[in-house]
Amino acid sequence: MKKEEKEFLKKVEKLVFEQMKDKHVNCDTVCESLGITNQNLRRKILAITGQTGGKYLLTIRMKYAQELLAKGKYSVGQVALKCGYDDANNFSRTFKREVGLKPTQYVANNKES
């Protein structure tokens, strides 16, 4: 991966983390912050990662959720909020679909000592 591609993905990731706090994580808000069109963002992310724009943003959120859950310091509801979800049930369904385990199962299997 080229240096400029890494820097671009870091910018996107930073924006996703900022937007998780406001619960408005989507390609449109990232595009607006970067000053590029939605089509250009999606095309660039697909070229670099092989994932669609929305899938890449979801991947960032789920990796963060996994980190938080592994620490064992937060409830599933707290992790959901930190990852930009208003509804813990929606978060749990999404997490299971993407990771393959329910958040509580993930905690049991991956708790840091």
PDB file of N, CA and C in Angstrom:
ATOM      1  N   MET A   1       0.845  -1.179   0.000  1.00  0.00           N
ATOM      2  CA  MET A   1       0.000   0.000   0.000  1.00  0.00           C
ATOM      3  C   MET A   1       0.890   1.242   0.000  1.00  0.00           C
ATOM      4  N   LYS A   2       0.540   2.181  -0.838  1.00  0.00           N
ATOM      5  CA  LYS A   2       1.312   3.406  -0.964  1.00  0.00           C
ATOM      6  C   LYS A   2       1.114   4.297   0.259  1.00  0.00           C
ATOM      7  N   LYS A   3       2.112   5.149   0.485  1.00  0.00           N
ATOM      8  CA  LYS A   3       2.068   6.066   1.629  1.00  0.00           C
ATOM      9  C   LYS A   3       0.818   6.951   1.583  1.00  0.00           C
ATOM     10  N   GLU A   4       0.494   7.473   0.411  1.00  0.00           N
ATOM     11  CA  GLU A   4      -0.673   8.363   0.293  1.00  0.00           C
ATOM     12  C   GLU A   4      -1.973   7.606   0.571  1.00  0.00           C
ATOM     13  N   GLU A   5      -2.016   6.326   0.220  1.00  0.00           N
ATOM     14  CA  GLU A   5      -3.205   5.518   0.497  1.00  0.00           C
ATOM     15  C   GLU A   5      -3.355   5.285   1.999  1.00  0.00           C
ATOM     16  N   LYS A   6      -2.233   4.995   2.669  1.00  0.00           N
ATOM     17  CA  LYS A   6      -2.256   4.812   4.118  1.00  0.00           C
ATOM     18  C   LYS A   6      -2.721   6.086   4.810  1.00  0.00           C
ATOM     19  N   GLU A   7      -2.212   7.218   4.350  1.00  0.00           N
ATOM     20  CA  GLU A   7      -2.589   8.501   4.944  1.00  0.00           C
ATOM     21  C   GLU A   7      -4.075   8.781   4.725  1.00  0.00           C
ATOM     22  N   PHE A   8      -4.582   8.461   3.556  1.00  0.00           N
ATOM     23  CA  PHE A   8      -5.992   8.653   3.266  1.00  0.00           C
ATOM     24  C   PHE A   8      -6.848   7.798   4.198  1.00  0.00           C
ATOM     25  N   LEU A   9      -6.488   6.524   4.355  1.00  0.00           N
ATOM     26  CA  LEU A   9      -7.253   5.637   5.227  1.00  0.00           C
ATOM     27  C   LEU A   9      -7.176   6.084   6.681  1.00  0.00           C
ATOM     28  N   LYS A  10      -6.036   6.627   7.097  1.00  0.00           N
ATOM     29  CA  LYS A  10      -5.912   7.159   8.460  1.00  0.00           C
ATOM     30  C   LYS A  10      -6.858   8.335   8.664  1.00  0.00           C
ATOM     31  N   LYS A  11      -6.972   9.195   7.653  1.00  0.00           N
ATOM     32  CA  LYS A  11      -7.901  10.326   7.738  1.00  0.00           C
ATOM     33  C   LYS A  11      -9.331   9.821   7.860  1.00  0.00           C
ATOM     34  N   VAL A  12      -9.671   8.843   7.046  1.00  0.00           N
ATOM     35  CA  VAL A  12     -11.020   8.278   7.079  1.00  0.00           C
ATOM     36  C   VAL A  12     -11.282   7.680   8.459  1.00  0.00           C
ATOM     37  N   GLU A  13     -10.322   6.909   8.974  1.00  0.00           N
ATOM     38  CA  GLU A  13     -10.490   6.273  10.280  1.00  0.00           C
ATOM     39  C   GLU A  13     -10.662   7.323  11.377  1.00  0.00           C
ATOM     40  N   LYS A  14      -9.864   8.366  11.322  1.00  0.00           N
ATOM     41  CA  LYS A  14      -9.974   9.449  12.317  1.00  0.00           C
ATOM     42  C   LYS A  14     -11.368  10.082  12.271  1.00  0.00           C
ATOM     43  N   LEU A  15     -11.869  10.317  11.071  1.00  0.00           N
ATOM     44  CA  LEU A  15     -13.208  10.890  10.929  1.00  0.00           C
ATOM     45  C   LEU A  15     -14.284   9.948  11.466  1.00  0.00           C
ATOM     46  N   VAL A  16     -14.122   8.672  11.222  1.00  0.00           N
ATOM     47  CA  VAL A  16     -15.094   7.693  11.722  1.00  0.00           C
ATOM     48  C   VAL A  16     -15.113   7.729  13.248  1.00  0.00           C
ATOM     49  N   PHE A  17     -13.941   7.774  13.879  1.00  0.00           N
ATOM     50  CA  PHE A  17     -13.885   7.821  15.340  1.00  0.00           C
ATOM     51  C   PHE A  17     -14.532   9.095  15.871  1.00  0.00           C
ATOM     52  N   GLU A  18     -14.289  10.211  15.211  1.00  0.00           N
ATOM     53  CA  GLU A  18     -14.921  11.468  15.621  1.00  0.00           C
ATOM     54  C   GLU A  18     -16.434  11.388  15.468  1.00  0.00           C
ATOM     55  N   GLN A  19     -16.876  10.789  14.380  1.00  0.00           N
ATOM     56  CA  GLN A  19     -18.298  10.738  14.090  1.00  0.00           C
ATOM     57  C   GLN A  19     -19.032   9.688  14.924  1.00  0.00           C
ATOM     58  N   MET A  20     -18.323   8.692  15.426  1.00  0.00           N
ATOM     59  CA  MET A  20     -18.958   7.711  16.295  1.00  0.00           C
ATOM     60  C   MET A  20     -19.496   8.405  17.551  1.00  0.00           C
ATOM     61  N   LYS A  21     -18.790   9.416  17.999  1.00  0.00           N
ATOM     62  CA  LYS A  21     -19.229  10.153  19.186  1.00  0.00           C
ATOM     63  C   LYS A  21     -20.561  10.847  18.939  1.00  0.00           C
ATOM     64  N   ASP A  22     -20.778  11.298  17.706  1.00  0.00           N
ATOM     65  CA  ASP A  22     -22.009  12.009  17.341  1.00  0.00           C
ATOM     66  C   ASP A  22     -23.072  11.088  16.764  1.00  0.00           C
ATOM     67  N   LYS A  23     -22.750   9.813  16.608  1.00  0.00           N
ATOM     68  CA  LYS A  23     -23.670   8.803  16.068  1.00  0.00           C
ATOM     69  C   LYS A  23     -24.141   9.106  14.648  1.00  0.00           C
ATOM     70  N   HIS A  24     -23.267   9.696  13.862  1.00  0.00           N
ATOM     71  CA  HIS A  24     -23.602  10.004  12.473  1.00  0.00           C
ATOM     72  C   HIS A  24     -22.530   9.455  11.542  1.00  0.00           C
ATOM     73  N   VAL A  25     -22.235   8.186  11.669  1.00  0.00           N
ATOM     74  CA  VAL A  25     -21.184   7.579  10.865  1.00  0.00           C
ATOM     75  C   VAL A  25     -21.768   7.066   9.563  1.00  0.00           C
ATOM     76  N   ASN A  26     -21.394   7.689   8.462  1.00  0.00           N
ATOM     77  CA  ASN A  26     -21.751   7.183   7.147  1.00  0.00           C
ATOM     78  C   ASN A  26     -20.864   7.832   6.103  1.00  0.00           C
ATOM     79  N   CYS A  27     -20.928   7.324   4.909  1.00  0.00           N
ATOM     80  CA  CYS A  27     -20.063   7.830   3.839  1.00  0.00           C
ATOM     81  C   CYS A  27     -20.319   9.303   3.549  1.00  0.00           C
ATOM     82  N   ASP A  28     -21.573   9.725   3.648  1.00  0.00           N
ATOM     83  CA  ASP A  28     -21.892  11.126   3.351  1.00  0.00           C
ATOM     84  C   ASP A  28     -21.181  12.086   4.290  1.00  0.00           C
ATOM     85  N   THR A  29     -21.192  11.778   5.583  1.00  0.00           N
ATOM     86  CA  THR A  29     -20.541  12.679   6.535  1.00  0.00           C
ATOM     87  C   THR A  29     -19.019  12.647   6.382  1.00  0.00           C
ATOM     88  N   VAL A  30     -18.474  11.485   6.049  1.00  0.00           N
ATOM     89  CA  VAL A  30     -17.027  11.393   5.809  1.00  0.00           C
ATOM     90  C   VAL A  30     -16.661  12.202   4.569  1.00  0.00           C
ATOM     91  N   CYS A  31     -17.459  12.076   3.509  1.00  0.00           N
ATOM     92  CA  CYS A  31     -17.209  12.827   2.269  1.00  0.00           C
ATOM     93  C   CYS A  31     -17.227  14.329   2.527  1.00  0.00           C
ATOM     94  N   GLU A  32     -18.221  14.745   3.261  1.00  0.00           N
ATOM     95  CA  GLU A  32     -18.364  16.165   3.566  1.00  0.00           C
ATOM     96  C   GLU A  32     -17.124  16.679   4.308  1.00  0.00           C
ATOM     97  N   SER A  33     -16.646  15.910   5.269  1.00  0.00           N
ATOM     98  CA  SER A  33     -15.467  16.307   6.038  1.00  0.00           C
ATOM     99  C   SER A  33     -14.195  16.315   5.191  1.00  0.00           C
ATOM    100  N   LEU A  34     -14.114  15.391   4.238  1.00  0.00           N
ATOM    101  CA  LEU A  34     -12.925  15.308   3.373  1.00  0.00           C
ATOM    102  C   LEU A  34     -13.006  16.255   2.180  1.00  0.00           C
ATOM    103  N   GLY A  35     -14.211  16.740   1.898  1.00  0.00           N
ATOM    104  CA  GLY A  35     -14.394  17.632   0.757  1.00  0.00           C
ATOM    105  C   GLY A  35     -14.325  16.918  -0.584  1.00  0.00           C
ATOM    106  N   ILE A  36     -14.785  15.648  -0.599  1.00  0.00           N
ATOM    107  CA  ILE A  36     -14.820  14.901  -1.856  1.00  0.00           C
ATOM    108  C   ILE A  36     -16.224  14.348  -2.054  1.00  0.00           C
ATOM    109  N   THR A  37     -16.504  13.925  -3.264  1.00  0.00           N
ATOM    110  CA  THR A  37     -17.835  13.369  -3.537  1.00  0.00           C
ATOM    111  C   THR A  37     -17.943  11.958  -2.973  1.00  0.00           C
ATOM    112  N   ASN A  38     -19.164  11.557  -2.763  1.00  0.00           N
ATOM    113  CA  ASN A  38     -19.438  10.220  -2.256  1.00  0.00           C
ATOM    114  C   ASN A  38     -18.891   9.170  -3.220  1.00  0.00           C
ATOM    115  N   GLN A  39     -19.086   9.400  -4.492  1.00  0.00           N
ATOM    116  CA  GLN A  39     -18.602   8.463  -5.510  1.00  0.00           C
ATOM    117  C   GLN A  39     -17.077   8.325  -5.459  1.00  0.00           C
ATOM    118  N   ASN A  40     -16.378   9.457  -5.294  1.00  0.00           N
ATOM    119  CA  ASN A  40     -14.913   9.398  -5.219  1.00  0.00           C
ATOM    120  C   ASN A  40     -14.441   8.678  -3.965  1.00  0.00           C
ATOM    121  N   LEU A  41     -15.109   8.926  -2.854  1.00  0.00           N
ATOM    122  CA  LEU A  41     -14.745   8.242  -1.615  1.00  0.00           C
ATOM    123  C   LEU A  41     -14.920   6.738  -1.772  1.00  0.00           C
ATOM    124  N   ARG A  42     -16.065   6.342  -2.263  1.00  0.00           N
ATOM    125  CA  ARG A  42     -16.352   4.911  -2.419  1.00  0.00           C
ATOM    126  C   ARG A  42     -15.375   4.249  -3.389  1.00  0.00           C
ATOM    127  N   ARG A  43     -15.097   4.938  -4.476  1.00  0.00           N
ATOM    128  CA  ARG A  43     -14.175   4.398  -5.482  1.00  0.00           C
ATOM    129  C   ARG A  43     -12.770   4.240  -4.893  1.00  0.00           C
ATOM    130  N   LYS A  44     -12.339   5.248  -4.143  1.00  0.00           N
ATOM    131  CA  LYS A  44     -10.996   5.218  -3.573  1.00  0.00           C
ATOM    132  C   LYS A  44     -10.866   4.129  -2.506  1.00  0.00           C
ATOM    133  N   ILE A  45     -11.857   4.020  -1.638  1.00  0.00           N
ATOM    134  CA  ILE A  45     -11.823   2.989  -0.607  1.00  0.00           C
ATOM    135  C   ILE A  45     -11.847   1.598  -1.240  1.00  0.00           C
ATOM    136  N   LEU A  46     -12.680   1.409  -2.244  1.00  0.00           N
ATOM    137  CA  LEU A  46     -12.749   0.117  -2.931  1.00  0.00           C
ATOM    138  C   LEU A  46     -11.408  -0.234  -3.579  1.00  0.00           C
ATOM    139  N   ALA A  47     -10.774   0.747  -4.199  1.00  0.00           N
ATOM    140  CA  ALA A  47      -9.477   0.503  -4.857  1.00  0.00           C
ATOM    141  C   ALA A  47      -8.392   0.139  -3.850  1.00  0.00           C
ATOM    142  N   ILE A  48      -8.423   0.754  -2.677  1.00  0.00           N
ATOM    143  CA  ILE A  48      -7.369   0.524  -1.683  1.00  0.00           C
ATOM    144  C   ILE A  48      -7.627  -0.744  -0.875  1.00  0.00           C
ATOM    145  N   THR A  49      -8.877  -0.924  -0.424  1.00  0.00           N
ATOM    146  CA  THR A  49      -9.172  -2.003   0.530  1.00  0.00           C
ATOM    147  C   THR A  49      -9.906  -3.192  -0.068  1.00  0.00           C
ATOM    148  N   GLY A  50     -10.551  -2.985  -1.210  1.00  0.00           N
ATOM    149  CA  GLY A  50     -11.370  -4.038  -1.789  1.00  0.00           C
ATOM    150  C   GLY A  50     -12.756  -4.108  -1.162  1.00  0.00           C
ATOM    151  N   GLN A  51     -13.053  -3.180  -0.262  1.00  0.00           N
ATOM    152  CA  GLN A  51     -14.351  -3.131   0.398  1.00  0.00           C
ATOM    153  C   GLN A  51     -15.134  -1.919  -0.092  1.00  0.00           C
ATOM    154  N   THR A  52     -16.456  -2.018  -0.020  1.00  0.00           N
ATOM    155  CA  THR A  52     -17.262  -0.843  -0.322  1.00  0.00           C
ATOM    156  C   THR A  52     -17.039   0.187   0.778  1.00  0.00           C
ATOM    157  N   GLY A  53     -17.427   1.404   0.517  1.00  0.00           N
ATOM    158  CA  GLY A  53     -17.244   2.468   1.507  1.00  0.00           C
ATOM    159  C   GLY A  53     -17.950   2.163   2.811  1.00  0.00           C
ATOM    160  N   GLY A  54     -19.221   1.789   2.714  1.00  0.00           N
ATOM    161  CA  GLY A  54     -19.992   1.475   3.911  1.00  0.00           C
ATOM    162  C   GLY A  54     -19.430   0.296   4.676  1.00  0.00           C
ATOM    163  N   LYS A  55     -18.987  -0.713   3.964  1.00  0.00           N
ATOM    164  CA  LYS A  55     -18.412  -1.897   4.600  1.00  0.00           C
ATOM    165  C   LYS A  55     -17.109  -1.541   5.308  1.00  0.00           C
ATOM    166  N   TYR A  56     -16.308  -0.680   4.699  1.00  0.00           N
ATOM    167  CA  TYR A  56     -15.052  -0.275   5.322  1.00  0.00           C
ATOM    168  C   TYR A  56     -15.319   0.494   6.608  1.00  0.00           C
ATOM    169  N   LEU A  57     -16.295   1.403   6.596  1.00  0.00           N
ATOM    170  CA  LEU A  57     -16.633   2.158   7.803  1.00  0.00           C
ATOM    171  C   LEU A  57     -17.138   1.209   8.885  1.00  0.00           C
ATOM    172  N   LEU A  58     -17.925   0.231   8.502  1.00  0.00           N
ATOM    173  CA  LEU A  58     -18.419  -0.759   9.454  1.00  0.00           C
ATOM    174  C   LEU A  58     -17.267  -1.588  10.021  1.00  0.00           C
ATOM    175  N   THR A  59     -16.309  -1.923   9.189  1.00  0.00           N
ATOM    176  CA  THR A  59     -15.143  -2.680   9.641  1.00  0.00           C
ATOM    177  C   THR A  59     -14.390  -1.912  10.722  1.00  0.00           C
ATOM    178  N   ILE A  60     -14.218  -0.616  10.534  1.00  0.00           N
ATOM    179  CA  ILE A  60     -13.544   0.217  11.535  1.00  0.00           C
ATOM    180  C   ILE A  60     -14.317   0.172  12.850  1.00  0.00           C
ATOM    181  N   ARG A  61     -15.623   0.321  12.774  1.00  0.00           N
ATOM    182  CA  ARG A  61     -16.448   0.316  13.980  1.00  0.00           C
ATOM    183  C   ARG A  61     -16.395  -1.038  14.694  1.00  0.00           C
ATOM    184  N   MET A  62     -16.428  -2.111  13.941  1.00  0.00           N
ATOM    185  CA  MET A  62     -16.429  -3.439  14.552  1.00  0.00           C
ATOM    186  C   MET A  62     -15.070  -3.774  15.170  1.00  0.00           C
ATOM    187  N   LYS A  63     -13.987  -3.328  14.554  1.00  0.00           N
ATOM    188  CA  LYS A  63     -12.654  -3.542  15.149  1.00  0.00           C
ATOM    189  C   LYS A  63     -12.559  -2.814  16.484  1.00  0.00           C
ATOM    190  N   TYR A  64     -13.074  -1.587  16.517  1.00  0.00           N
ATOM    191  CA  TYR A  64     -13.078  -0.814  17.743  1.00  0.00           C
ATOM    192  C   TYR A  64     -13.939  -1.507  18.796  1.00  0.00           C
ATOM    193  N   ALA A  65     -15.091  -2.002  18.397  1.00  0.00           N
ATOM    194  CA  ALA A  65     -15.972  -2.725  19.320  1.00  0.00           C
ATOM    195  C   ALA A  65     -15.256  -3.940  19.889  1.00  0.00           C
ATOM    196  N   GLN A  66     -14.536  -4.666  19.048  1.00  0.00           N
ATOM    197  CA  GLN A  66     -13.803  -5.839  19.516  1.00  0.00           C
ATOM    198  C   GLN A  66     -12.748  -5.439  20.548  1.00  0.00           C
ATOM    199  N   GLU A  67     -12.044  -4.347  20.296  1.00  0.00           N
ATOM    200  CA  GLU A  67     -11.040  -3.872  21.252  1.00  0.00           C
ATOM    201  C   GLU A  67     -11.670  -3.539  22.596  1.00  0.00           C
ATOM    202  N   LEU A  68     -12.784  -2.813  22.546  1.00  0.00           N
ATOM    203  CA  LEU A  68     -13.460  -2.423  23.782  1.00  0.00           C
ATOM    204  C   LEU A  68     -14.012  -3.631  24.532  1.00  0.00           C
ATOM    205  N   LEU A  69     -14.620  -4.549  23.819  1.00  0.00           N
ATOM    206  CA  LEU A  69     -15.178  -5.739  24.458  1.00  0.00           C
ATOM    207  C   LEU A  69     -14.088  -6.617  25.069  1.00  0.00           C
ATOM    208  N   ALA A  70     -12.954  -6.730  24.388  1.00  0.00           N
ATOM    209  CA  ALA A  70     -11.855  -7.561  24.885  1.00  0.00           C
ATOM    210  C   ALA A  70     -11.295  -7.023  26.199  1.00  0.00           C
ATOM    211  N   LYS A  71     -11.377  -5.725  26.392  1.00  0.00           N
ATOM    212  CA  LYS A  71     -10.878  -5.129  27.639  1.00  0.00           C
ATOM    213  C   LYS A  71     -11.740  -5.519  28.830  1.00  0.00           C
ATOM    214  N   GLY A  72     -13.009  -5.821  28.567  1.00  0.00           N
ATOM    215  CA  GLY A  72     -13.897  -6.256  29.628  1.00  0.00           C
ATOM    216  C   GLY A  72     -14.311  -5.154  30.592  1.00  0.00           C
ATOM    217  N   LYS A  73     -14.093  -3.911  30.227  1.00  0.00           N
ATOM    218  CA  LYS A  73     -14.403  -2.786  31.119  1.00  0.00           C
ATOM    219  C   LYS A  73     -15.774  -2.185  30.855  1.00  0.00           C
ATOM    220  N   TYR A  74     -16.375  -2.527  29.716  1.00  0.00           N
ATOM    221  CA  TYR A  74     -17.624  -1.897  29.307  1.00  0.00           C
ATOM    222  C   TYR A  74     -18.693  -2.941  29.055  1.00  0.00           C
ATOM    223  N   SER A  75     -19.923  -2.547  29.339  1.00  0.00           N
ATOM    224  CA  SER A  75     -21.052  -3.416  29.002  1.00  0.00           C
ATOM    225  C   SER A  75     -21.271  -3.360  27.493  1.00  0.00           C
ATOM    226  N   VAL A  76     -22.060  -4.268  26.980  1.00  0.00           N
ATOM    227  CA  VAL A  76     -22.381  -4.274  25.552  1.00  0.00           C
ATOM    228  C   VAL A  76     -23.063  -2.954  25.184  1.00  0.00           C
ATOM    229  N   GLY A  77     -23.952  -2.485  26.021  1.00  0.00           N
ATOM    230  CA  GLY A  77     -24.638  -1.214  25.769  1.00  0.00           C
ATOM    231  C   GLY A  77     -23.677  -0.039  25.695  1.00  0.00           C
ATOM    232  N   GLN A  78     -22.693  -0.025  26.580  1.00  0.00           N
ATOM    233  CA  GLN A  78     -21.695   1.048  26.563  1.00  0.00           C
ATOM    234  C   GLN A  78     -20.842   0.985  25.300  1.00  0.00           C
ATOM    235  N   VAL A  79     -20.468  -0.213  24.902  1.00  0.00           N
ATOM    236  CA  VAL A  79     -19.683  -0.379  23.675  1.00  0.00           C
ATOM    237  C   VAL A  79     -20.504   0.077  22.475  1.00  0.00           C
ATOM    238  N   ALA A  80     -21.770  -0.291  22.461  1.00  0.00           N
ATOM    239  CA  ALA A  80     -22.649   0.130  21.364  1.00  0.00           C
ATOM    240  C   ALA A  80     -22.646   1.653  21.250  1.00  0.00           C
ATOM    241  N   LEU A  81     -22.811   2.336  22.370  1.00  0.00           N
ATOM    242  CA  LEU A  81     -22.813   3.807  22.354  1.00  0.00           C
ATOM    243  C   LEU A  81     -21.479   4.371  21.880  1.00  0.00           C
ATOM    244  N   LYS A  82     -20.387   3.792  22.354  1.00  0.00           N
ATOM    245  CA  LYS A  82     -19.057   4.265  21.961  1.00  0.00           C
ATOM    246  C   LYS A  82     -18.787   4.049  20.470  1.00  0.00           C
ATOM    247  N   CYS A  83     -19.479   3.076  19.879  1.00  0.00           N
ATOM    248  CA  CYS A  83     -19.295   2.766  18.459  1.00  0.00           C
ATOM    249  C   CYS A  83     -20.342   3.452  17.579  1.00  0.00           C
ATOM    250  N   GLY A  84     -21.129   4.331  18.187  1.00  0.00           N
ATOM    251  CA  GLY A  84     -22.072   5.126  17.409  1.00  0.00           C
ATOM    252  C   GLY A  84     -23.447   4.525  17.210  1.00  0.00           C
ATOM    253  N   TYR A  85     -23.808   3.544  18.030  1.00  0.00           N
ATOM    254  CA  TYR A  85     -25.124   2.922  17.934  1.00  0.00           C
ATOM    255  C   TYR A  85     -26.006   3.421  19.071  1.00  0.00           C
ATOM    256  N   ASP A  86     -27.221   3.800  18.757  1.00  0.00           N
ATOM    257  CA  ASP A  86     -28.198   4.186  19.769  1.00  0.00           C
ATOM    258  C   ASP A  86     -28.851   2.971  20.397  1.00  0.00           C
ATOM    259  N   ASP A  87     -28.922   1.905  19.633  1.00  0.00           N
ATOM    260  CA  ASP A  87     -29.655   0.711  20.035  1.00  0.00           C
ATOM    261  C   ASP A  87     -28.693  -0.463  20.216  1.00  0.00           C
ATOM    262  N   ALA A  88     -28.594  -0.954  21.451  1.00  0.00           N
ATOM    263  CA  ALA A  88     -27.682  -2.065  21.736  1.00  0.00           C
ATOM    264  C   ALA A  88     -28.091  -3.334  20.992  1.00  0.00           C
ATOM    265  N   ASN A  89     -29.392  -3.526  20.782  1.00  0.00           N
ATOM    266  CA  ASN A  89     -29.843  -4.713  20.054  1.00  0.00           C
ATOM    267  C   ASN A  89     -29.390  -4.675  18.596  1.00  0.00           C
ATOM    268  N   ASN A  90     -29.500  -3.513  17.974  1.00  0.00           N
ATOM    269  CA  ASN A  90     -29.037  -3.349  16.592  1.00  0.00           C
ATOM    270  C   ASN A  90     -27.528  -3.582  16.524  1.00  0.00           C
ATOM    271  N   PHE A  91     -26.802  -3.027  17.490  1.00  0.00           N
ATOM    272  CA  PHE A  91     -25.358  -3.240  17.559  1.00  0.00           C
ATOM    273  C   PHE A  91     -25.043  -4.731  17.673  1.00  0.00           C
ATOM    274  N   SER A  92     -25.748  -5.408  18.580  1.00  0.00           N
ATOM    275  CA  SER A  92     -25.487  -6.840  18.801  1.00  0.00           C
ATOM    276  C   SER A  92     -25.748  -7.668  17.549  1.00  0.00           C
ATOM    277  N   ARG A  93     -26.840  -7.373  16.856  1.00  0.00           N
ATOM    278  CA  ARG A  93     -27.136  -8.093  15.602  1.00  0.00           C
ATOM    279  C   ARG A  93     -26.045  -7.846  14.561  1.00  0.00           C
ATOM    280  N   THR A  94     -25.635  -6.583  14.435  1.00  0.00           N
ATOM    281  CA  THR A  94     -24.585  -6.230  13.470  1.00  0.00           C
ATOM    282  C   THR A  94     -23.276  -6.904  13.844  1.00  0.00           C
ATOM    283  N   PHE A  95     -22.929  -6.869  15.121  1.00  0.00           N
ATOM    284  CA  PHE A  95     -21.690  -7.481  15.595  1.00  0.00           C
ATOM    285  C   PHE A  95     -21.686  -8.973  15.283  1.00  0.00           C
ATOM    286  N   LYS A  96     -22.790  -9.651  15.591  1.00  0.00           N
ATOM    287  CA  LYS A  96     -22.866 -11.095  15.326  1.00  0.00           C
ATOM    288  C   LYS A  96     -22.725 -11.386  13.836  1.00  0.00           C
ATOM    289  N   ARG A  97     -23.385 -10.590  13.009  1.00  0.00           N
ATOM    290  CA  ARG A  97     -23.311 -10.785  11.560  1.00  0.00           C
ATOM    291  C   ARG A  97     -21.873 -10.580  11.056  1.00  0.00           C
ATOM    292  N   GLU A  98     -21.187  -9.584  11.567  1.00  0.00           N
ATOM    293  CA  GLU A  98     -19.850  -9.246  11.070  1.00  0.00           C
ATOM    294  C   GLU A  98     -18.732 -10.078  11.697  1.00  0.00           C
ATOM    295  N   VAL A  99     -18.853 -10.383  12.968  1.00  0.00           N
ATOM    296  CA  VAL A  99     -17.776 -11.066  13.697  1.00  0.00           C
ATOM    297  C   VAL A  99     -18.036 -12.566  13.840  1.00  0.00           C
ATOM    298  N   GLY A 100     -19.311 -12.944  13.825  1.00  0.00           N
ATOM    299  CA  GLY A 100     -19.638 -14.357  13.931  1.00  0.00           C
ATOM    300  C   GLY A 100     -19.997 -14.804  15.334  1.00  0.00           C
ATOM    301  N   LEU A 101     -19.895 -13.899  16.285  1.00  0.00           N
ATOM    302  CA  LEU A 101     -20.251 -14.194  17.674  1.00  0.00           C
ATOM    303  C   LEU A 101     -21.098 -13.060  18.218  1.00  0.00           C
ATOM    304  N   LYS A 102     -21.955 -13.381  19.184  1.00  0.00           N
ATOM    305  CA  LYS A 102     -22.657 -12.322  19.906  1.00  0.00           C
ATOM    306  C   LYS A 102     -21.616 -11.572  20.740  1.00  0.00           C
ATOM    307  N   PRO A 103     -21.849 -10.308  21.027  1.00  0.00           N
ATOM    308  CA  PRO A 103     -20.872  -9.564  21.841  1.00  0.00           C
ATOM    309  C   PRO A 103     -20.541 -10.255  23.169  1.00  0.00           C
ATOM    310  N   THR A 104     -21.537 -10.819  23.831  1.00  0.00           N
ATOM    311  CA  THR A 104     -21.270 -11.498  25.107  1.00  0.00           C
ATOM    312  C   THR A 104     -20.400 -12.739  24.911  1.00  0.00           C
ATOM    313  N   GLN A 105     -20.592 -13.437  23.801  1.00  0.00           N
ATOM    314  CA  GLN A 105     -19.734 -14.593  23.490  1.00  0.00           C
ATOM    315  C   GLN A 105     -18.307 -14.132  23.205  1.00  0.00           C
ATOM    316  N   TYR A 106     -18.208 -13.017  22.494  1.00  0.00           N
ATOM    317  CA  TYR A 106     -16.888 -12.474  22.181  1.00  0.00           C
ATOM    318  C   TYR A 106     -16.151 -12.117  23.457  1.00  0.00           C
ATOM    319  N   VAL A 107     -16.856 -11.496  24.397  1.00  0.00           N
ATOM    320  CA  VAL A 107     -16.247 -11.128  25.679  1.00  0.00           C
ATOM    321  C   VAL A 107     -15.740 -12.376  26.385  1.00  0.00           C
ATOM    322  N   ALA A 108     -16.569 -13.394  26.451  1.00  0.00           N
ATOM    323  CA  ALA A 108     -16.192 -14.633  27.147  1.00  0.00           C
ATOM    324  C   ALA A 108     -14.968 -15.287  26.500  1.00  0.00           C
ATOM    325  N   ASN A 109     -14.870 -15.211  25.177  1.00  0.00           N
ATOM    326  CA  ASN A 109     -13.775 -15.857  24.448  1.00  0.00           C
ATOM    327  C   ASN A 109     -12.497 -15.030  24.381  1.00  0.00           C
ATOM    328  N   ASN A 110     -12.604 -13.718  24.547  1.00  0.00           N
ATOM    329  CA  ASN A 110     -11.458 -12.847  24.267  1.00  0.00           C
ATOM    330  C   ASN A 110     -11.089 -11.888  25.391  1.00  0.00           C
ATOM    331  N   LYS A 111     -11.554 -12.130  26.578  1.00  0.00           N
ATOM    332  CA  LYS A 111     -11.285 -11.207  27.669  1.00  0.00           C
ATOM    333  C   LYS A 111      -9.788 -11.149  27.956  1.00  0.00           C
ATOM    334  N   GLU A 112      -9.271  -9.906  28.040  1.00  0.00           N
ATOM    335  CA  GLU A 112      -7.850  -9.701  28.344  1.00  0.00           C
ATOM    336  C   GLU A 112      -7.634  -9.969  29.831  1.00  0.00           C
ATOM    337  N   SER A 113      -6.529 -10.578  30.139  1.00  0.00           N
ATOM    338  CA  SER A 113      -6.221 -10.894  31.548  1.00  0.00           C
ATOM    339  C   SER A 113      -5.741  -9.689  32.290  1.00  0.00           C
TER     340      SER A 113
END
